[in-house]
C-alpha atoms as a PDB file:
ATOM      1  CA  MET A   1      -2.201  27.784   3.615  1.00  0.00           C
ATOM      2  CA  PHE A   2      -4.292  24.675   4.060  1.00  0.00           C
ATOM      3  CA  ASN A   3      -7.083  24.181   6.552  1.00  0.00           C
ATOM      4  CA  TYR A   4      -7.144  21.930   9.575  1.00  0.00           C
ATOM      5  CA  PRO A   5     -10.171  20.365  11.246  1.00  0.00           C
ATOM      6  CA  GLU A   6     -11.208  21.341  14.745  1.00  0.00           C
ATOM      7  CA  TYR A   7      -9.499  18.172  16.004  1.00  0.00           C
ATOM      8  CA  PRO A   8      -6.078  18.582  14.324  1.00  0.00           C
ATOM      9  CA  TYR A   9      -4.157  16.251  16.610  1.00  0.00           C
ATOM     10  CA  ILE A  10      -6.146  13.032  16.413  1.00  0.00           C
ATOM     11  CA  GLY A  11      -4.523  10.243  18.409  1.00  0.00           C
ATOM     12  CA  PHE A  12      -1.461  12.231  19.456  1.00  0.00           C
ATOM     13  CA  LYS A  13      -0.221  13.088  22.922  1.00  0.00           C
ATOM     14  CA  ASP A  14       1.723  16.107  21.660  1.00  0.00           C
ATOM     15  CA  GLU A  15       0.956  18.897  19.209  1.00  0.00           C
ATOM     16  CA  THR A  16       3.634  18.224  16.603  1.00  0.00           C
ATOM     17  CA  THR A  17       1.552  16.438  13.946  1.00  0.00           C
ATOM     18  CA  LYS A  18      -1.356  18.065  12.153  1.00  0.00           C
ATOM     19  CA  ILE A  19      -3.774  16.213   9.894  1.00  0.00           C
ATOM     20  CA  PRO A  20      -4.885  18.448   7.002  1.00  0.00           C
ATOM     21  CA  LEU A  21      -8.541  18.676   6.080  1.00  0.00           C
ATOM     22  CA  THR A  22      -7.897  19.887   2.514  1.00  0.00           C
ATOM     23  CA  PHE A  23      -4.851  20.155   0.269  1.00  0.00           C
ATOM     24  CA  PRO A  24      -3.184  22.852  -1.859  1.00  0.00           C
ATOM     25  CA  ARG A  25      -3.714  22.643  -5.601  1.00  0.00           C
ATOM     26  CA  GLN A  26      -0.990  20.505  -7.183  1.00  0.00           C
ATOM     27  CA  HIS A  27      -0.384  17.981  -9.940  1.00  0.00           C
ATOM     28  CA  GLN A  28       2.440  15.641 -10.954  1.00  0.00           C
ATOM     29  CA  ASP A  29       2.927  14.465 -14.521  1.00  0.00           C
ATOM     30  CA  THR A  30       4.304  10.964 -13.933  1.00  0.00           C
ATOM     31  CA  GLN A  31       2.984   7.865 -12.182  1.00  0.00           C
ATOM     32  CA  PRO A  32       2.985   6.426  -9.591  1.00  0.00           C
ATOM     33  CA  GLY A  33       4.146   9.788  -8.202  1.00  0.00           C
ATOM     34  CA  ILE A  34       6.915  11.275  -6.069  1.00  0.00           C
ATOM     35  CA  GLU A  35       6.365  11.694  -2.340  1.00  0.00           C
ATOM     36  CA  HIS A  36       9.095  14.176  -1.435  1.00  0.00           C
ATOM     37  CA  ILE A  37       7.616  16.936  -3.633  1.00  0.00           C
ATOM     38  CA  MET A  38       4.073  16.683  -2.242  1.00  0.00           C
ATOM     39  CA  GLU A  39       2.584  19.531  -0.197  1.00  0.00           C
ATOM     40  CA  PRO A  40       1.996  18.764   2.567  1.00  0.00           C
ATOM     41  CA  LEU A  41       4.065  15.605   2.893  1.00  0.00           C
ATOM     42  CA  PRO A  42       2.033  12.514   3.765  1.00  0.00           C
ATOM     43  CA  ILE A  43       2.140  11.482   7.412  1.00  0.00           C
ATOM     44  CA  PHE A  44       3.624   7.991   7.359  1.00  0.00           C
ATOM     45  CA  GLU A  45       4.500   7.500  11.021  1.00  0.00           C
ATOM     46  CA  ASN A  46       2.705   7.774  14.341  1.00  0.00           C
ATOM     47  CA  PRO A  47       5.304   9.298  16.703  1.00  0.00           C
ATOM     48  CA  ASN A  48       3.520   7.850  19.730  1.00  0.00           C
ATOM     49  CA  TRP A  49       3.470   4.246  18.513  1.00  0.00           C
ATOM     50  CA  THR A  50       4.580   1.766  21.180  1.00  0.00           C
ATOM     51  CA  SER A  51       6.162  -1.319  19.631  1.00  0.00           C
ATOM     52  CA  SER A  52       5.150  -4.786  20.767  1.00  0.00           C
ATOM     53  CA  TYR A  53       7.568  -6.540  18.367  1.00  0.00           C
ATOM     54  CA  LYS A  54       4.764  -8.493  16.750  1.00  0.00           C
ATOM     55  CA  LEU A  55       6.966  -9.167  13.688  1.00  0.00           C
ATOM     56  CA  GLN A  56      10.285  -9.779  15.424  1.00  0.00           C
ATOM     57  CA  ASP A  57      12.840 -11.139  12.916  1.00  0.00           C
ATOM     58  CA  LYS A  58      10.207 -11.670  10.219  1.00  0.00           C
ATOM     59  CA  VAL A  59      11.163 -11.006   6.589  1.00  0.00           C
ATOM     60  CA  VAL A  60       8.645  -8.990   4.573  1.00  0.00           C
ATOM     61  CA  ILE A  61       8.480  -8.166   0.864  1.00  0.00           C
ATOM     62  CA  ILE A  62       6.476  -5.023   0.042  1.00  0.00           C
ATOM     63  CA  SER A  63       5.801  -3.976  -3.544  1.00  0.00           C
ATOM     64  CA  GLY A  64       5.450  -0.228  -3.872  1.00  0.00           C
ATOM     65  CA  GLY A  65       7.082   0.079  -0.468  1.00  0.00           C
ATOM     66  CA  ASP A  66       9.017   3.248  -1.220  1.00  0.00           C
ATOM     67  CA  SER A  67       6.227   5.769  -0.569  1.00  0.00           C
ATOM     68  CA  GLY A  68       2.608   6.288   0.418  1.00  0.00           C
ATOM     69  CA  ILE A  69       0.929   3.378   2.151  1.00  0.00           C
ATOM     70  CA  GLY A  70       3.897   1.167   1.291  1.00  0.00           C
ATOM     71  CA  ARG A  71       6.302   3.445   3.167  1.00  0.00           C
ATOM     72  CA  ALA A  72       4.013   3.615   6.202  1.00  0.00           C
ATOM     73  CA  VAL A  73       3.797  -0.187   6.261  1.00  0.00           C
ATOM     74  CA  SER A  74       7.565  -0.545   5.805  1.00  0.00           C
ATOM     75  CA  VAL A  75       8.322   1.770   8.720  1.00  0.00           C
ATOM     76  CA  LEU A  76       5.689   0.295  11.034  1.00  0.00           C
ATOM     77  CA  PHE A  77       6.828  -3.258  10.290  1.00  0.00           C
ATOM     78  CA  ALA A  78      10.429  -2.237  10.999  1.00  0.00           C
ATOM     79  CA  LYS A  79       9.322  -0.779  14.333  1.00  0.00           C
ATOM     80  CA  GLU A  80       7.731  -4.139  15.062  1.00  0.00           C
ATOM     81  CA  GLY A  81      10.981  -5.997  14.358  1.00  0.00           C
ATOM     82  CA  ALA A  82      10.813  -7.004  10.680  1.00  0.00           C
ATOM     83  CA  ASP A  83      13.452  -6.844   7.966  1.00  0.00           C
ATOM     84  CA  ILE A  84      12.056  -5.278   4.801  1.00  0.00           C
ATOM     85  CA  VAL A  85      12.492  -5.868   1.075  1.00  0.00           C
ATOM     86  CA  ILE A  86      11.088  -2.979  -0.960  1.00  0.00           C
ATOM     87  CA  SER A  87      10.219  -3.355  -4.629  1.00  0.00           C
ATOM     88  CA  TYR A  88       9.661  -0.048  -6.410  1.00  0.00           C
ATOM     89  CA  LEU A  89       9.656   1.335  -9.945  1.00  0.00           C
ATOM     90  CA  ASP A  90      12.200   4.176 -10.204  1.00  0.00           C
ATOM     91  CA  GLU A  91      11.496   6.629  -7.351  1.00  0.00           C
ATOM     92  CA  HIS A  92      15.036   6.301  -6.003  1.00  0.00           C
ATOM     93  CA  GLU A  93      15.051   9.292  -3.644  1.00  0.00           C
ATOM     94  CA  ASP A  94      11.811   8.194  -1.967  1.00  0.00           C
ATOM     95  CA  ALA A  95      13.038   4.593  -1.751  1.00  0.00           C
ATOM     96  CA  ASN A  96      16.379   5.508  -0.219  1.00  0.00           C
ATOM     97  CA  TYR A  97      14.687   7.675   2.394  1.00  0.00           C
ATOM     98  CA  THR A  98      12.382   4.795   3.337  1.00  0.00           C
ATOM     99  CA  LYS A  99      15.440   2.535   3.594  1.00  0.00           C
ATOM    100  CA  GLN A 100      17.049   5.031   5.987  1.00  0.00           C
ATOM    101  CA  LEU A 101      13.888   5.067   8.088  1.00  0.00           C
ATOM    102  CA  VAL A 102      13.777   1.258   8.300  1.00  0.00           C
ATOM    103  CA  GLU A 103      17.452   1.080   9.208  1.00  0.00           C
ATOM    104  CA  SER A 104      16.988   3.747  11.897  1.00  0.00           C
ATOM    105  CA  TYR A 105      15.055   1.068  13.796  1.00  0.00           C
ATOM    106  CA  ASN A 106      18.009  -1.309  13.517  1.00  0.00           C
ATOM    107  CA  ARG A 107      16.375  -3.441  10.855  1.00  0.00           C
ATOM    108  CA  ARG A 108      17.768  -4.403   7.473  1.00  0.00           C
ATOM    109  CA  CYS A 109      16.275  -3.101   4.227  1.00  0.00           C
ATOM    110  CA  LEU A 110      16.871  -4.290   0.664  1.00  0.00           C
ATOM    111  CA  LEU A 111      15.801  -2.069  -2.261  1.00  0.00           C
ATOM    112  CA  ILE A 112      15.021  -3.554  -5.676  1.00  0.00           C
ATOM    113  CA  SER A 113      14.061  -1.253  -8.537  1.00  0.00           C
ATOM    114  CA  GLY A 114      12.181  -2.392 -11.621  1.00  0.00           C
ATOM    115  CA  ASP A 115       8.867  -2.818 -13.400  1.00  0.00           C
ATOM    116  CA  LEU A 116       6.737  -5.599 -11.927  1.00  0.00           C
ATOM    117  CA  ARG A 117       4.867  -5.939 -15.192  1.00  0.00           C
ATOM    118  CA  ASP A 118       7.855  -8.105 -16.145  1.00  0.00           C
ATOM    119  CA  GLU A 119       7.290 -11.492 -14.471  1.00  0.00           C
ATOM    120  CA  LYS A 120      11.040 -12.122 -14.310  1.00  0.00           C
ATOM    121  CA  LEU A 121      11.435  -9.270 -11.817  1.00  0.00           C
ATOM    122  CA  SER A 122       9.346 -11.166  -9.252  1.00  0.00           C
ATOM    123  CA  ASP A 123      11.680 -14.156  -9.512  1.00  0.00           C
ATOM    124  CA  TYR A 124      14.649 -11.809  -9.117  1.00  0.00           C
ATOM    125  CA  ILE A 125      13.139 -10.154  -6.020  1.00  0.00           C
ATOM    126  CA  VAL A 126      12.443 -13.483  -4.351  1.00  0.00           C
ATOM    127  CA  GLN A 127      15.867 -14.927  -5.133  1.00  0.00           C
ATOM    128  CA  ASN A 128      17.594 -11.820  -3.765  1.00  0.00           C
ATOM    129  CA  THR A 129      15.444 -11.971  -0.654  1.00  0.00           C
ATOM    130  CA  ILE A 130      16.372 -15.604  -0.027  1.00  0.00           C
ATOM    131  CA  ASP A 131      20.048 -14.891  -0.697  1.00  0.00           C
ATOM    132  CA  SER A 132      20.021 -11.934   1.699  1.00  0.00           C
ATOM    133  CA  PHE A 133      17.713 -13.133   4.478  1.00  0.00           C
ATOM    134  CA  GLY A 134      17.226 -16.876   3.993  1.00  0.00           C
ATOM    135  CA  LYS A 135      13.431 -16.857   4.268  1.00  0.00           C
ATOM    136  CA  ILE A 136      10.176 -15.010   3.540  1.00  0.00           C
ATOM    137  CA  ASP A 137       7.389 -14.653   6.101  1.00  0.00           C
ATOM    138  CA  VAL A 138       5.057 -11.983   4.711  1.00  0.00           C
ATOM    139  CA  LEU A 139       4.232 -10.674   1.244  1.00  0.00           C
ATOM    140  CA  VAL A 140       2.474  -7.325   0.810  1.00  0.00           C
ATOM    141  CA  ASN A 141       1.215  -6.824  -2.752  1.00  0.00           C
ATOM    142  CA  ASN A 142       0.770  -3.069  -2.822  1.00  0.00           C
ATOM    143  CA  CYS A 143       1.916  -1.476  -6.099  1.00  0.00           C
ATOM    144  CA  GLY A 144      -0.623   0.263  -8.305  1.00  0.00           C
ATOM    145  CA  VAL A 145      -1.415   2.940 -10.878  1.00  0.00           C
ATOM    146  CA  GLN A 146      -4.571   4.773 -11.937  1.00  0.00           C
ATOM    147  CA  PHE A 147      -5.336   6.874 -15.007  1.00  0.00           C
ATOM    148  CA  PRO A 148      -8.661   8.720 -14.720  1.00  0.00           C
ATOM    149  CA  GLN A 149     -10.755   9.002 -17.901  1.00  0.00           C
ATOM    150  CA  ASN A 150     -14.152  10.611 -18.346  1.00  0.00           C
ATOM    151  CA  SER A 151     -15.408   7.800 -20.589  1.00  0.00           C
ATOM    152  CA  ILE A 152     -14.612   4.163 -21.267  1.00  0.00           C
ATOM    153  CA  LEU A 153     -14.138   5.336 -24.864  1.00  0.00           C
ATOM    154  CA  ASP A 154     -11.034   7.201 -23.708  1.00  0.00           C
ATOM    155  CA  ILE A 155      -9.386   4.123 -22.192  1.00  0.00           C
ATOM    156  CA  THR A 156      -6.871   2.956 -24.762  1.00  0.00           C
ATOM    157  CA  ARG A 157      -5.681  -0.610 -25.156  1.00  0.00           C
ATOM    158  CA  LYS A 158      -2.282   0.484 -23.819  1.00  0.00           C
ATOM    159  CA  GLN A 159      -3.804   2.074 -20.710  1.00  0.00           C
ATOM    160  CA  LEU A 160      -5.943  -1.001 -20.091  1.00  0.00           C
ATOM    161  CA  PHE A 161      -2.926  -3.297 -20.238  1.00  0.00           C
ATOM    162  CA  ASP A 162      -0.747  -0.947 -18.145  1.00  0.00           C
ATOM    163  CA  THR A 163      -3.384  -0.787 -15.417  1.00  0.00           C
ATOM    164  CA  PHE A 164      -4.141  -4.506 -15.298  1.00  0.00           C
ATOM    165  CA  GLU A 165      -0.507  -5.608 -15.627  1.00  0.00           C
ATOM    166  CA  THR A 166       0.597  -3.320 -12.793  1.00  0.00           C
ATOM    167  CA  ASN A 167      -2.370  -3.673 -10.449  1.00  0.00           C
ATOM    168  CA  ILE A 168      -3.274  -7.359 -10.640  1.00  0.00           C
ATOM    169  CA  PHE A 169      -0.885  -9.288 -12.918  1.00  0.00           C
ATOM    170  CA  SER A 170       2.037  -8.246 -10.691  1.00  0.00           C
ATOM    171  CA  PHE A 171       0.184  -9.682  -7.672  1.00  0.00           C
ATOM    172  CA  PHE A 172      -0.052 -13.037  -9.457  1.00  0.00           C
ATOM    173  CA  TYR A 173       3.621 -12.926 -10.487  1.00  0.00           C
ATOM    174  CA  LEU A 174       4.999 -12.025  -7.062  1.00  0.00           C
ATOM    175  CA  THR A 175       2.717 -14.447  -5.229  1.00  0.00           C
ATOM    176  CA  LYS A 176       3.743 -17.308  -7.526  1.00  0.00           C
ATOM    177  CA  ALA A 177       7.426 -16.496  -6.992  1.00  0.00           C
ATOM    178  CA  VAL A 178       7.103 -16.248  -3.203  1.00  0.00           C
ATOM    179  CA  LEU A 179       4.827 -19.221  -2.579  1.00  0.00           C
ATOM    180  CA  PRO A 180       7.445 -22.015  -2.661  1.00  0.00           C
ATOM    181  CA  TYR A 181       9.234 -20.307   0.241  1.00  0.00           C
ATOM    182  CA  LEU A 182       6.241 -19.618   2.483  1.00  0.00           C
ATOM    183  CA  GLU A 183       5.653 -21.875   5.467  1.00  0.00           C
ATOM    184  CA  ALA A 184       2.608 -22.435   7.669  1.00  0.00           C
ATOM    185  CA  ASN A 185       1.435 -19.253   9.423  1.00  0.00           C
ATOM    186  CA  SER A 186       2.889 -17.051   6.695  1.00  0.00           C
ATOM    187  CA  SER A 187       0.750 -14.175   5.468  1.00  0.00           C
ATOM    188  CA  ILE A 188      -0.082 -12.592   2.112  1.00  0.00           C
ATOM    189  CA  ILE A 189      -1.715  -9.152   2.185  1.00  0.00           C
ATOM    190  CA  ASN A 190      -3.134  -7.449  -0.896  1.00  0.00           C
ATOM    191  CA  THR A 191      -4.013  -3.786  -1.310  1.00  0.00           C
ATOM    192  CA  THR A 192      -7.421  -3.389  -2.912  1.00  0.00           C
ATOM    193  CA  SER A 193      -9.587  -0.232  -2.690  1.00  0.00           C
ATOM    194  CA  VAL A 194     -12.942   1.187  -1.714  1.00  0.00           C
ATOM    195  CA  THR A 195     -13.515   1.560  -5.475  1.00  0.00           C
ATOM    196  CA  ALA A 196     -13.806  -2.228  -5.735  1.00  0.00           C
ATOM    197  CA  TYR A 197     -17.052  -1.911  -3.756  1.00  0.00           C
ATOM    198  CA  GLU A 198     -18.362   1.555  -4.658  1.00  0.00           C
ATOM    199  CA  GLY A 199     -16.993   1.891  -8.184  1.00  0.00           C
ATOM    200  CA  LYS A 200     -15.836   5.243  -9.540  1.00  0.00           C
ATOM    201  CA  LYS A 201     -17.069   6.656 -12.817  1.00  0.00           C
ATOM    202  CA  ASN A 202     -13.723   8.061 -13.995  1.00  0.00           C
ATOM    203  CA  LEU A 203     -11.665   5.066 -12.818  1.00  0.00           C
ATOM    204  CA  ILE A 204     -13.370   2.189 -14.624  1.00  0.00           C
ATOM    205  CA  ASP A 205     -10.231   0.168 -15.368  1.00  0.00           C
ATOM    206  CA  TYR A 206      -8.631   0.879 -11.974  1.00  0.00           C
ATOM    207  CA  SER A 207     -11.804  -0.066 -10.091  1.00  0.00           C
ATOM    208  CA  SER A 208     -12.015  -3.257 -12.139  1.00  0.00           C
ATOM    209  CA  THR A 209      -8.501  -4.281 -11.115  1.00  0.00           C
ATOM    210  CA  LYS A 210      -9.307  -3.591  -7.474  1.00  0.00           C
ATOM    211  CA  GLY A 211     -12.408  -5.756  -7.729  1.00  0.00           C
ATOM    212  CA  ALA A 212     -10.204  -8.460  -9.207  1.00  0.00           C
ATOM    213  CA  ILE A 213      -7.801  -8.117  -6.266  1.00  0.00           C
ATOM    214  CA  SER A 214     -10.615  -8.597  -3.753  1.00  0.00           C
ATOM    215  CA  VAL A 215     -11.764 -11.823  -5.437  1.00  0.00           C
ATOM    216  CA  PHE A 216      -8.153 -12.914  -5.952  1.00  0.00           C
ATOM    217  CA  THR A 217      -7.713 -12.550  -2.189  1.00  0.00           C
ATOM    218  CA  LYS A 218     -10.714 -14.702  -1.317  1.00  0.00           C
ATOM    219  CA  SER A 219      -9.948 -17.383  -3.901  1.00  0.00           C
ATOM    220  CA  LEU A 220      -6.262 -17.585  -3.004  1.00  0.00           C
ATOM    221  CA  ALA A 221      -7.175 -17.845   0.680  1.00  0.00           C
ATOM    222  CA  LEU A 222      -9.292 -20.894  -0.074  1.00  0.00           C
ATOM    223  CA  SER A 223      -6.515 -22.368  -2.203  1.00  0.00           C
ATOM    224  CA  LEU A 224      -3.850 -21.971   0.494  1.00  0.00           C
ATOM    225  CA  ALA A 225      -5.924 -22.780   3.587  1.00  0.00           C
ATOM    226  CA  ASP A 226      -4.666 -26.371   3.759  1.00  0.00           C
ATOM    227  CA  GLN A 227      -1.100 -25.021   3.833  1.00  0.00           C
ATOM    228  CA  LYS A 228      -2.049 -22.709   6.728  1.00  0.00           C
ATOM    229  CA  ILE A 229      -1.003 -19.670   4.683  1.00  0.00           C
ATOM    230  CA  ARG A 230      -3.367 -16.771   5.300  1.00  0.00           C
ATOM    231  CA  VAL A 231      -4.425 -14.371   2.542  1.00  0.00           C
ATOM    232  CA  ASN A 232      -6.224 -11.119   3.307  1.00  0.00           C
ATOM    233  CA  ALA A 233      -6.575  -7.607   1.944  1.00  0.00           C
ATOM    234  CA  VAL A 234      -6.879  -3.975   2.987  1.00  0.00           C
ATOM    235  CA  ALA A 235      -9.279  -1.699   1.094  1.00  0.00           C
ATOM    236  CA  PRO A 236      -8.248   1.909   1.703  1.00  0.00           C
ATOM    237  CA  GLY A 237     -10.527   4.810   0.955  1.00  0.00           C
ATOM    238  CA  PRO A 238      -9.051   8.184  -0.034  1.00  0.00           C
ATOM    239  CA  ILE A 239      -5.518   8.290   1.399  1.00  0.00           C
ATOM    240  CA  TRP A 240      -3.015  11.107   0.823  1.00  0.00           C
ATOM    241  CA  THR A 241      -0.322   9.351  -1.235  1.00  0.00           C
ATOM    242  CA  PRO A 242       1.768  10.276  -4.320  1.00  0.00           C
ATOM    243  CA  LEU A 243      -0.762   8.531  -6.550  1.00  0.00           C
ATOM    244  CA  ILE A 244      -3.283  11.307  -5.839  1.00  0.00           C
ATOM    245  CA  PRO A 245      -1.475  14.359  -7.278  1.00  0.00           C
ATOM    246  CA  ALA A 246      -0.005  12.078  -9.955  1.00  0.00           C
ATOM    247  CA  SER A 247      -3.416  11.092 -11.291  1.00  0.00           C
ATOM    248  CA  PHE A 248      -5.983  13.741 -10.346  1.00  0.00           C
ATOM    249  CA  SER A 249      -6.389  17.356 -11.459  1.00  0.00           C
ATOM    250  CA  GLU A 250      -5.551  20.304  -9.225  1.00  0.00           C
ATOM    251  CA  ASP A 251      -9.274  20.886  -8.646  1.00  0.00           C
ATOM    252  CA  GLU A 252      -9.777  17.269  -7.527  1.00  0.00           C
ATOM    253  CA  VAL A 253      -6.718  17.328  -5.271  1.00  0.00           C
ATOM    254  CA  GLU A 254      -7.983  20.433  -3.493  1.00  0.00           C
ATOM    255  CA  ILE A 255     -11.115  18.644  -2.239  1.00  0.00           C
ATOM    256  CA  PHE A 256      -9.708  15.118  -2.076  1.00  0.00           C
ATOM    257  CA  GLY A 257     -11.369  13.019   0.645  1.00  0.00           C
ATOM    258  CA  THR A 258     -13.840  15.647   1.804  1.00  0.00           C
ATOM    259  CA  ASP A 259     -16.802  13.582   0.575  1.00  0.00           C
ATOM    260  CA  THR A 260     -16.252  10.863   3.199  1.00  0.00           C
ATOM    261  CA  PRO A 261     -18.328  10.772   6.393  1.00  0.00           C
ATOM    262  CA  LEU A 262     -15.230  11.929   8.319  1.00  0.00           C
ATOM    263  CA  LYS A 263     -14.881  14.840   5.852  1.00  0.00           C
ATOM    264  CA  ARG A 264     -11.173  14.356   5.154  1.00  0.00           C
ATOM    265  CA  ALA A 265      -8.678  12.087   3.472  1.00  0.00           C
ATOM    266  CA  GLY A 266      -6.782   9.586   5.558  1.00  0.00           C
ATOM    267  CA  GLN A 267      -3.036   9.582   6.054  1.00  0.00           C
ATOM    268  CA  PRO A 268      -0.802   6.548   5.356  1.00  0.00           C
ATOM    269  CA  PHE A 269      -0.037   6.005   9.054  1.00  0.00           C
ATOM    270  CA  GLU A 270      -3.755   5.550   9.680  1.00  0.00           C
ATOM    271  CA  VAL A 271      -3.900   2.588   7.280  1.00  0.00           C
ATOM    272  CA  ALA A 272      -0.677   0.781   8.201  1.00  0.00           C
ATOM    273  CA  PRO A 273      -1.936  -0.831  11.450  1.00  0.00           C
ATOM    274  CA  ALA A 274      -4.471  -2.849   9.428  1.00  0.00           C
ATOM    275  CA  TYR A 275      -1.558  -4.440   7.574  1.00  0.00           C
ATOM    276  CA  LEU A 276       0.242  -5.096  10.858  1.00  0.00           C
ATOM    277  CA  TYR A 277      -2.789  -6.907  12.225  1.00  0.00           C
ATOM    278  CA  LEU A 278      -2.985  -9.126   9.145  1.00  0.00           C
ATOM    279  CA  ALA A 279       0.762  -9.801   9.125  1.00  0.00           C
ATOM    280  CA  SER A 280       0.995 -10.733  12.807  1.00  0.00           C
ATOM    281  CA  ASP A 281      -0.171 -13.697  14.851  1.00  0.00           C
ATOM    282  CA  ASP A 282      -3.060 -11.554  16.100  1.00  0.00           C
ATOM    283  CA  SER A 283      -4.921 -12.601  12.946  1.00  0.00           C
ATOM    284  CA  ARG A 284      -4.120 -16.310  12.997  1.00  0.00           C
ATOM    285  CA  TYR A 285      -7.835 -17.144  12.549  1.00  0.00           C
ATOM    286  CA  VAL A 286      -8.418 -14.598   9.784  1.00  0.00           C
ATOM    287  CA  THR A 287      -8.171 -15.445   6.090  1.00  0.00           C
ATOM    288  CA  GLY A 288     -10.011 -14.434   2.934  1.00  0.00           C
ATOM    289  CA  GLN A 289     -11.089 -11.146   4.523  1.00  0.00           C
ATOM    290  CA  VAL A 290     -10.906  -7.482   3.548  1.00  0.00           C
ATOM    291  CA  ILE A 291     -10.365  -4.724   6.109  1.00  0.00           C
ATOM    292  CA  HIS A 292     -11.953  -1.415   5.073  1.00  0.00           C
ATOM    293  CA  VAL A 293     -10.111   1.755   6.145  1.00  0.00           C
ATOM    294  CA  ASN A 294     -12.098   4.422   4.351  1.00  0.00           C
ATOM    295  CA  GLY A 295     -13.296   7.216   6.615  1.00  0.00           C
ATOM    296  CA  GLY A 296     -16.723   5.740   7.164  1.00  0.00           C
ATOM    297  CA  SER A 297     -17.942   4.895   3.648  1.00  0.00           C
ATOM    298  CA  ILE A 298     -20.575   2.158   3.616  1.00  0.00           C
ATOM    299  CA  VAL A 299     -19.469  -0.767   1.456  1.00  0.00           C
END
């Protein structure tokens, strides 16, 4: 059994969705993790969301869109009228379920599996998107891995390259591939992290990549301002996604997120609206900014 806060139904009109305060002990051995074996399953959808069709007929590419925050963004964007292209590594069951969810809202969804550390995959994703949909309106750079180590001495050269190639090099590759097809008022959204601002002693390489993403966002925004292409980022705090049991110990999972001012981890559906704001015309005068969704941490 896992505990619930005194306000278990935050933001809901019914009593069908409970937000856990703590989590059962669990660990997965592979990254970036599998969503369908998590306990409890992440909450990726707000059942009381009322669509305003802010992204009607937009085409969106989302890296890491199969699960976690990426799934929540994929589903919310589909509710708001977008067609979705999901890039993911090899979590086929999670990806196919997300595709079903997107299509349940009468939107199209294209799945592309592969390792974004290979720059050629970004070109392949973009070409398939153009062939299938004819345009690209929004790019969400969201994929990531983390490998906790107690000391910088334990971070091998291989781990360092794996972390940087996945977390920041892939953002460069996919952005470069997409850019020739973006028009004025298009949007690029990058997933950074609270660790870019607070640091984390056992995630030195991961935190470094997230800091790089934040500066990448601001610099790219300046570079693309004349083209009227907006570039922003979301910096989540502790969010219950597959990456958590895939990278942390059972002891760490059990108390994950309880050190925030709100005393709990967030759920993916609680982060996704920040991406919607940045993808839609509501943020036409916003570029080079980072939205912090972190349970109250001061950054």
